[in-house]
């Protein structure tokens, strides 16, 4: 069985809050997140075991007609 490489803690949740802030700031400044940005966000949520949030961003990405790259499917 595979060992977990990442255990969420206060710092990791703080980072997730910052990721959301940056994403909102990008959108407020009329910059659209690209597939790489979404991949980073999805990966961060998966590592923090926040799968519902990861899926929310995945659907948001798809709604903007962006196809996921292979690394998004391998987010852990």
PDB file of N, CA and C in Angstrom:
ATOM      1  N   UNK A   1       0.836  -1.181   0.000  1.00  0.00           N
ATOM      2  CA  UNK A   1       0.000   0.000   0.000  1.00  0.00           C
ATOM      3  C   UNK A   1       0.885   1.249   0.000  1.00  0.00           C
ATOM      4  N   UNK A   2       0.484   2.228  -0.728  1.00  0.00           N
ATOM      5  CA  UNK A   2       1.261   3.457  -0.845  1.00  0.00           C
ATOM      6  C   UNK A   2       1.155   4.292   0.430  1.00  0.00           C
ATOM      7  N   UNK A   3       2.281   4.833   0.852  1.00  0.00           N
ATOM      8  CA  UNK A   3       2.322   5.717   2.019  1.00  0.00           C
ATOM      9  C   UNK A   3       1.945   7.134   1.595  1.00  0.00           C
ATOM     10  N   UNK A   4       1.270   7.847   2.464  1.00  0.00           N
ATOM     11  CA  UNK A   4       0.939   9.245   2.199  1.00  0.00           C
ATOM     12  C   UNK A   4       2.191  10.081   2.337  1.00  0.00           C
ATOM     13  N   UNK A   5       2.439  10.942   1.358  1.00  0.00           N
ATOM     14  CA  UNK A   5       3.621  11.792   1.383  1.00  0.00           C
ATOM     15  C   UNK A   5       3.339  13.138   2.027  1.00  0.00           C
ATOM     16  N   UNK A   6       2.094  13.435   2.285  1.00  0.00           N
ATOM     17  CA  UNK A   6       1.743  14.764   2.739  1.00  0.00           C
ATOM     18  C   UNK A   6       0.631  14.677   3.771  1.00  0.00           C
ATOM     19  N   UNK A   7       0.861  15.235   4.929  1.00  0.00           N
ATOM     20  CA  UNK A   7      -0.172  15.294   5.963  1.00  0.00           C
ATOM     21  C   UNK A   7      -0.591  16.750   6.125  1.00  0.00           C
ATOM     22  N   UNK A   8      -1.856  17.083   5.851  1.00  0.00           N
ATOM     23  CA  UNK A   8      -2.299  18.467   5.969  1.00  0.00           C
ATOM     24  C   UNK A   8      -2.122  18.999   7.396  1.00  0.00           C
ATOM     25  N   UNK A   9      -1.734  20.259   7.490  1.00  0.00           N
ATOM     26  CA  UNK A   9      -1.610  20.921   8.783  1.00  0.00           C
ATOM     27  C   UNK A   9      -2.068  22.369   8.620  1.00  0.00           C
ATOM     28  N   UNK A  10      -1.912  23.173   9.654  1.00  0.00           N
ATOM     29  CA  UNK A  10      -2.353  24.567   9.606  1.00  0.00           C
ATOM     30  C   UNK A  10      -1.689  25.312   8.451  1.00  0.00           C
ATOM     31  N   UNK A  11      -0.422  25.072   8.256  1.00  0.00           N
ATOM     32  CA  UNK A  11       0.307  25.764   7.183  1.00  0.00           C
ATOM     33  C   UNK A  11      -0.268  25.409   5.814  1.00  0.00           C
ATOM     34  N   UNK A  12      -0.563  24.143   5.596  1.00  0.00           N
ATOM     35  CA  UNK A  12      -1.093  23.743   4.290  1.00  0.00           C
ATOM     36  C   UNK A  12      -2.468  24.359   4.038  1.00  0.00           C
ATOM     37  N   UNK A  13      -3.294  24.455   5.073  1.00  0.00           N
ATOM     38  CA  UNK A  13      -4.601  25.089   4.892  1.00  0.00           C
ATOM     39  C   UNK A  13      -4.449  26.583   4.635  1.00  0.00           C
ATOM     40  N   UNK A  14      -3.481  27.205   5.237  1.00  0.00           N
ATOM     41  CA  UNK A  14      -3.211  28.625   4.994  1.00  0.00           C
ATOM     42  C   UNK A  14      -2.785  28.835   3.546  1.00  0.00           C
ATOM     43  N   UNK A  15      -1.982  27.919   3.031  1.00  0.00           N
ATOM     44  CA  UNK A  15      -1.559  27.995   1.635  1.00  0.00           C
ATOM     45  C   UNK A  15      -2.771  27.895   0.715  1.00  0.00           C
ATOM     46  N   UNK A  16      -3.712  27.004   1.046  1.00  0.00           N
ATOM     47  CA  UNK A  16      -4.913  26.868   0.224  1.00  0.00           C
ATOM     48  C   UNK A  16      -5.724  28.158   0.214  1.00  0.00           C
ATOM     49  N   UNK A  17      -5.802  28.803   1.361  1.00  0.00           N
ATOM     50  CA  UNK A  17      -6.498  30.089   1.415  1.00  0.00           C
ATOM     51  C   UNK A  17      -5.824  31.093   0.482  1.00  0.00           C
ATOM     52  N   UNK A  18      -4.512  31.098   0.488  1.00  0.00           N
ATOM     53  CA  UNK A  18      -3.754  32.022  -0.366  1.00  0.00           C
ATOM     54  C   UNK A  18      -3.951  31.671  -1.841  1.00  0.00           C
ATOM     55  N   UNK A  19      -4.022  30.403  -2.159  1.00  0.00           N
ATOM     56  CA  UNK A  19      -4.249  29.978  -3.547  1.00  0.00           C
ATOM     57  C   UNK A  19      -5.578  30.541  -4.037  1.00  0.00           C
ATOM     58  N   UNK A  20      -6.606  30.446  -3.208  1.00  0.00           N
ATOM     59  CA  UNK A  20      -7.906  31.002  -3.584  1.00  0.00           C
ATOM     60  C   UNK A  20      -7.828  32.506  -3.787  1.00  0.00           C
ATOM     61  N   UNK A  21      -7.138  33.196  -2.891  1.00  0.00           N
ATOM     62  CA  UNK A  21      -6.998  34.646  -3.009  1.00  0.00           C
ATOM     63  C   UNK A  21      -6.332  35.030  -4.323  1.00  0.00           C
ATOM     64  N   UNK A  22      -5.266  34.331  -4.667  1.00  0.00           N
ATOM     65  CA  UNK A  22      -4.544  34.635  -5.906  1.00  0.00           C
ATOM     66  C   UNK A  22      -5.449  34.388  -7.116  1.00  0.00           C
ATOM     67  N   UNK A  23      -6.192  33.309  -7.083  1.00  0.00           N
ATOM     68  CA  UNK A  23      -7.101  33.000  -8.189  1.00  0.00           C
ATOM     69  C   UNK A  23      -8.150  34.103  -8.340  1.00  0.00           C
ATOM     70  N   UNK A  24      -8.732  34.531  -7.231  1.00  0.00           N
ATOM     71  CA  UNK A  24      -9.730  35.616  -7.281  1.00  0.00           C
ATOM     72  C   UNK A  24      -9.103  36.918  -7.766  1.00  0.00           C
ATOM     73  N   UNK A  25      -7.889  37.219  -7.303  1.00  0.00           N
ATOM     74  CA  UNK A  25      -7.197  38.439  -7.747  1.00  0.00           C
ATOM     75  C   UNK A  25      -6.945  38.400  -9.249  1.00  0.00           C
ATOM     76  N   UNK A  26      -6.543  37.242  -9.756  1.00  0.00           N
ATOM     77  CA  UNK A  26      -6.327  37.104 -11.194  1.00  0.00           C
ATOM     78  C   UNK A  26      -7.607  37.437 -11.957  1.00  0.00           C
ATOM     79  N   UNK A  27      -8.714  36.853 -11.510  1.00  0.00           N
ATOM     80  CA  UNK A  27      -9.982  37.078 -12.188  1.00  0.00           C
ATOM     81  C   UNK A  27     -10.426  38.534 -12.058  1.00  0.00           C
ATOM     82  N   UNK A  28     -10.214  39.130 -10.888  1.00  0.00           N
ATOM     83  CA  UNK A  28     -10.562  40.544 -10.690  1.00  0.00           C
ATOM     84  C   UNK A  28      -9.756  41.461 -11.600  1.00  0.00           C
ATOM     85  N   UNK A  29      -8.527  41.068 -11.903  1.00  0.00           N
ATOM     86  CA  UNK A  29      -7.659  41.855 -12.778  1.00  0.00           C
ATOM     87  C   UNK A  29      -7.791  41.450 -14.248  1.00  0.00           C
ATOM     88  N   UNK A  30      -8.849  40.717 -14.551  1.00  0.00           N
ATOM     89  CA  UNK A  30      -9.169  40.280 -15.921  1.00  0.00           C
ATOM     90  C   UNK A  30      -8.160  39.305 -16.508  1.00  0.00           C
ATOM     91  N   UNK A  31      -7.486  38.554 -15.647  1.00  0.00           N
ATOM     92  CA  UNK A  31      -6.620  37.471 -16.111  1.00  0.00           C
ATOM     93  C   UNK A  31      -7.352  36.169 -15.866  1.00  0.00           C
ATOM     94  N   UNK A  32      -7.450  35.373 -16.910  1.00  0.00           N
ATOM     95  CA  UNK A  32      -8.107  34.078 -16.773  1.00  0.00           C
ATOM     96  C   UNK A  32      -7.083  33.017 -16.392  1.00  0.00           C
ATOM     97  N   UNK A  33      -7.359  32.270 -15.334  1.00  0.00           N
ATOM     98  CA  UNK A  33      -6.463  31.157 -15.012  1.00  0.00           C
ATOM     99  C   UNK A  33      -6.392  30.201 -16.203  1.00  0.00           C
ATOM    100  N   UNK A  34      -5.208  29.668 -16.464  1.00  0.00           N
ATOM    101  CA  UNK A  34      -5.061  28.711 -17.554  1.00  0.00           C
ATOM    102  C   UNK A  34      -5.025  27.297 -16.983  1.00  0.00           C
ATOM    103  N   UNK A  35      -4.804  26.331 -17.858  1.00  0.00           N
ATOM    104  CA  UNK A  35      -4.828  24.934 -17.441  1.00  0.00           C
ATOM    105  C   UNK A  35      -3.729  24.636 -16.413  1.00  0.00           C
ATOM    106  N   UNK A  36      -2.607  25.320 -16.526  1.00  0.00           N
ATOM    107  CA  UNK A  36      -1.520  25.128 -15.554  1.00  0.00           C
ATOM    108  C   UNK A  36      -1.950  25.646 -14.177  1.00  0.00           C
ATOM    109  N   UNK A  37      -2.564  26.815 -14.156  1.00  0.00           N
ATOM    110  CA  UNK A  37      -3.051  27.386 -12.896  1.00  0.00           C
ATOM    111  C   UNK A  37      -4.057  26.450 -12.243  1.00  0.00           C
ATOM    112  N   UNK A  38      -5.011  25.981 -13.031  1.00  0.00           N
ATOM    113  CA  UNK A  38      -6.007  25.056 -12.484  1.00  0.00           C
ATOM    114  C   UNK A  38      -5.342  23.769 -11.998  1.00  0.00           C
ATOM    115  N   UNK A  39      -4.356  23.288 -12.728  1.00  0.00           N
ATOM    116  CA  UNK A  39      -3.655  22.074 -12.308  1.00  0.00           C
ATOM    117  C   UNK A  39      -2.983  22.242 -10.959  1.00  0.00           C
ATOM    118  N   UNK A  40      -2.359  23.387 -10.739  1.00  0.00           N
ATOM    119  CA  UNK A  40      -1.702  23.657  -9.460  1.00  0.00           C
ATOM    120  C   UNK A  40      -2.726  23.708  -8.334  1.00  0.00           C
ATOM    121  N   UNK A  41      -3.842  24.382  -8.590  1.00  0.00           N
ATOM    122  CA  UNK A  41      -4.892  24.493  -7.569  1.00  0.00           C
ATOM    123  C   UNK A  41      -5.486  23.118  -7.260  1.00  0.00           C
ATOM    124  N   UNK A  42      -5.805  22.365  -8.283  1.00  0.00           N
ATOM    125  CA  UNK A  42      -6.385  21.033  -8.086  1.00  0.00           C
ATOM    126  C   UNK A  42      -5.418  20.135  -7.327  1.00  0.00           C
ATOM    127  N   UNK A  43      -4.146  20.174  -7.696  1.00  0.00           N
ATOM    128  CA  UNK A  43      -3.140  19.373  -7.004  1.00  0.00           C
ATOM    129  C   UNK A  43      -3.038  19.756  -5.530  1.00  0.00           C
ATOM    130  N   UNK A  44      -3.060  21.052  -5.240  1.00  0.00           N
ATOM    131  CA  UNK A  44      -2.969  21.508  -3.844  1.00  0.00           C
ATOM    132  C   UNK A  44      -4.159  21.001  -3.030  1.00  0.00           C
ATOM    133  N   UNK A  45      -5.358  21.086  -3.593  1.00  0.00           N
ATOM    134  CA  UNK A  45      -6.536  20.601  -2.871  1.00  0.00           C
ATOM    135  C   UNK A  45      -6.491  19.082  -2.684  1.00  0.00           C
ATOM    136  N   UNK A  46      -6.027  18.366  -3.670  1.00  0.00           N
ATOM    137  CA  UNK A  46      -5.922  16.908  -3.526  1.00  0.00           C
ATOM    138  C   UNK A  46      -4.932  16.540  -2.425  1.00  0.00           C
ATOM    139  N   UNK A  47      -3.795  17.223  -2.378  1.00  0.00           N
ATOM    140  CA  UNK A  47      -2.804  16.930  -1.345  1.00  0.00           C
ATOM    141  C   UNK A  47      -3.344  17.224   0.054  1.00  0.00           C
ATOM    142  N   UNK A  48      -4.231  18.207   0.145  1.00  0.00           N
ATOM    143  CA  UNK A  48      -4.829  18.545   1.432  1.00  0.00           C
ATOM    144  C   UNK A  48      -6.083  17.702   1.704  1.00  0.00           C
ATOM    145  N   UNK A  49      -6.361  16.761   0.809  1.00  0.00           N
ATOM    146  CA  UNK A  49      -7.520  15.872   0.933  1.00  0.00           C
ATOM    147  C   UNK A  49      -8.839  16.641   0.913  1.00  0.00           C
ATOM    148  N   UNK A  50      -8.843  17.737   0.175  1.00  0.00           N
ATOM    149  CA  UNK A  50     -10.049  18.548  -0.024  1.00  0.00           C
ATOM    150  C   UNK A  50     -10.575  18.233  -1.430  1.00  0.00           C
ATOM    151  N   UNK A  51     -11.049  17.004  -1.596  1.00  0.00           N
ATOM    152  CA  UNK A  51     -11.418  16.520  -2.909  1.00  0.00           C
ATOM    153  C   UNK A  51     -12.622  17.245  -3.504  1.00  0.00           C
ATOM    154  N   UNK A  52     -13.567  17.655  -2.670  1.00  0.00           N
ATOM    155  CA  UNK A  52     -14.722  18.392  -3.188  1.00  0.00           C
ATOM    156  C   UNK A  52     -14.287  19.706  -3.826  1.00  0.00           C
ATOM    157  N   UNK A  53     -13.339  20.394  -3.205  1.00  0.00           N
ATOM    158  CA  UNK A  53     -12.832  21.649  -3.764  1.00  0.00           C
ATOM    159  C   UNK A  53     -12.046  21.384  -5.055  1.00  0.00           C
ATOM    160  N   UNK A  54     -11.262  20.318  -5.059  1.00  0.00           N
ATOM    161  CA  UNK A  54     -10.512  19.965  -6.270  1.00  0.00           C
ATOM    162  C   UNK A  54     -11.469  19.705  -7.427  1.00  0.00           C
ATOM    163  N   UNK A  55     -12.524  18.983  -7.149  1.00  0.00           N
ATOM    164  CA  UNK A  55     -13.515  18.683  -8.187  1.00  0.00           C
ATOM    165  C   UNK A  55     -14.233  19.951  -8.629  1.00  0.00           C
ATOM    166  N   UNK A  56     -14.484  20.861  -7.703  1.00  0.00           N
ATOM    167  CA  UNK A  56     -15.134  22.131  -8.055  1.00  0.00           C
ATOM    168  C   UNK A  56     -14.271  22.908  -9.060  1.00  0.00           C
ATOM    169  N   UNK A  57     -12.964  22.964  -8.807  1.00  0.00           N
ATOM    170  CA  UNK A  57     -12.074  23.663  -9.732  1.00  0.00           C
ATOM    171  C   UNK A  57     -11.949  22.913 -11.056  1.00  0.00           C
ATOM    172  N   UNK A  58     -12.000  21.594 -11.003  1.00  0.00           N
ATOM    173  CA  UNK A  58     -11.970  20.801 -12.232  1.00  0.00           C
ATOM    174  C   UNK A  58     -13.179  21.145 -13.107  1.00  0.00           C
ATOM    175  N   UNK A  59     -14.357  21.204 -12.483  1.00  0.00           N
ATOM    176  CA  UNK A  59     -15.571  21.550 -13.234  1.00  0.00           C
ATOM    177  C   UNK A  59     -15.523  22.996 -13.732  1.00  0.00           C
ATOM    178  N   UNK A  60     -14.956  23.876 -12.933  1.00  0.00           N
ATOM    179  CA  UNK A  60     -14.814  25.276 -13.348  1.00  0.00           C
ATOM    180  C   UNK A  60     -13.918  25.366 -14.586  1.00  0.00           C
ATOM    181  N   UNK A  61     -12.846  24.580 -14.580  1.00  0.00           N
ATOM    182  CA  UNK A  61     -11.930  24.547 -15.712  1.00  0.00           C
ATOM    183  C   UNK A  61     -12.652  24.014 -16.956  1.00  0.00           C
ATOM    184  N   UNK A  62     -13.409  22.942 -16.803  1.00  0.00           N
ATOM    185  CA  UNK A  62     -14.135  22.368 -17.930  1.00  0.00           C
ATOM    186  C   UNK A  62     -15.197  23.329 -18.468  1.00  0.00           C
ATOM    187  N   UNK A  63     -15.830  24.093 -17.570  1.00  0.00           N
ATOM    188  CA  UNK A  63     -16.849  25.057 -17.995  1.00  0.00           C
ATOM    189  C   UNK A  63     -16.248  26.144 -18.879  1.00  0.00           C
ATOM    190  N   UNK A  64     -14.947  26.351 -18.751  1.00  0.00           N
ATOM    191  CA  UNK A  64     -14.256  27.346 -19.579  1.00  0.00           C
ATOM    192  C   UNK A  64     -13.629  26.691 -20.808  1.00  0.00           C
ATOM    193  N   UNK A  65     -14.094  25.491 -21.117  1.00  0.00           N
ATOM    194  CA  UNK A  65     -13.638  24.741 -22.295  1.00  0.00           C
ATOM    195  C   UNK A  65     -12.148  24.448 -22.280  1.00  0.00           C
ATOM    196  N   UNK A  66     -11.616  24.192 -21.095  1.00  0.00           N
ATOM    197  CA  UNK A  66     -10.210  23.811 -20.976  1.00  0.00           C
ATOM    198  C   UNK A  66     -10.140  22.316 -20.701  1.00  0.00           C
ATOM    199  N   UNK A  67      -9.337  21.650 -21.482  1.00  0.00           N
ATOM    200  CA  UNK A  67      -9.140  20.232 -21.247  1.00  0.00           C
ATOM    201  C   UNK A  67      -8.013  20.012 -20.251  1.00  0.00           C
ATOM    202  N   UNK A  68      -8.184  19.070 -19.344  1.00  0.00           N
ATOM    203  CA  UNK A  68      -7.137  18.809 -18.363  1.00  0.00           C
ATOM    204  C   UNK A  68      -5.910  18.157 -19.000  1.00  0.00           C
ATOM    205  N   UNK A  69      -4.766  18.453 -18.442  1.00  0.00           N
ATOM    206  CA  UNK A  69      -3.531  17.798 -18.874  1.00  0.00           C
ATOM    207  C   UNK A  69      -3.391  16.497 -18.082  1.00  0.00           C
ATOM    208  N   UNK A  70      -2.560  15.579 -18.543  1.00  0.00           N
ATOM    209  CA  UNK A  70      -2.423  14.303 -17.827  1.00  0.00           C
ATOM    210  C   UNK A  70      -2.036  14.451 -16.356  1.00  0.00           C
ATOM    211  N   UNK A  71      -1.229  15.460 -16.015  1.00  0.00           N
ATOM    212  CA  UNK A  71      -0.804  15.565 -14.617  1.00  0.00           C
ATOM    213  C   UNK A  71      -1.973  15.889 -13.680  1.00  0.00           C
ATOM    214  N   UNK A  72      -3.040  16.475 -14.201  1.00  0.00           N
ATOM    215  CA  UNK A  72      -4.205  16.752 -13.358  1.00  0.00           C
ATOM    216  C   UNK A  72      -4.838  15.435 -12.915  1.00  0.00           C
ATOM    217  N   UNK A  73      -4.876  14.455 -13.799  1.00  0.00           N
ATOM    218  CA  UNK A  73      -5.463  13.168 -13.439  1.00  0.00           C
ATOM    219  C   UNK A  73      -4.616  12.398 -12.433  1.00  0.00           C
ATOM    220  N   UNK A  74      -3.362  12.759 -12.314  1.00  0.00           N
ATOM    221  CA  UNK A  74      -2.471  12.077 -11.374  1.00  0.00           C
ATOM    222  C   UNK A  74      -2.231  12.871 -10.108  1.00  0.00           C
ATOM    223  N   UNK A  75      -3.058  13.891  -9.849  1.00  0.00           N
ATOM    224  CA  UNK A  75      -2.932  14.660  -8.610  1.00  0.00           C
ATOM    225  C   UNK A  75      -3.235  13.753  -7.443  1.00  0.00           C
ATOM    226  N   UNK A  76      -2.393  13.870  -6.400  1.00  0.00           N
ATOM    227  CA  UNK A  76      -2.642  13.036  -5.220  1.00  0.00           C
ATOM    228  C   UNK A  76      -2.683  13.866  -3.981  1.00  0.00           C
TER     229      UNK A  76
END
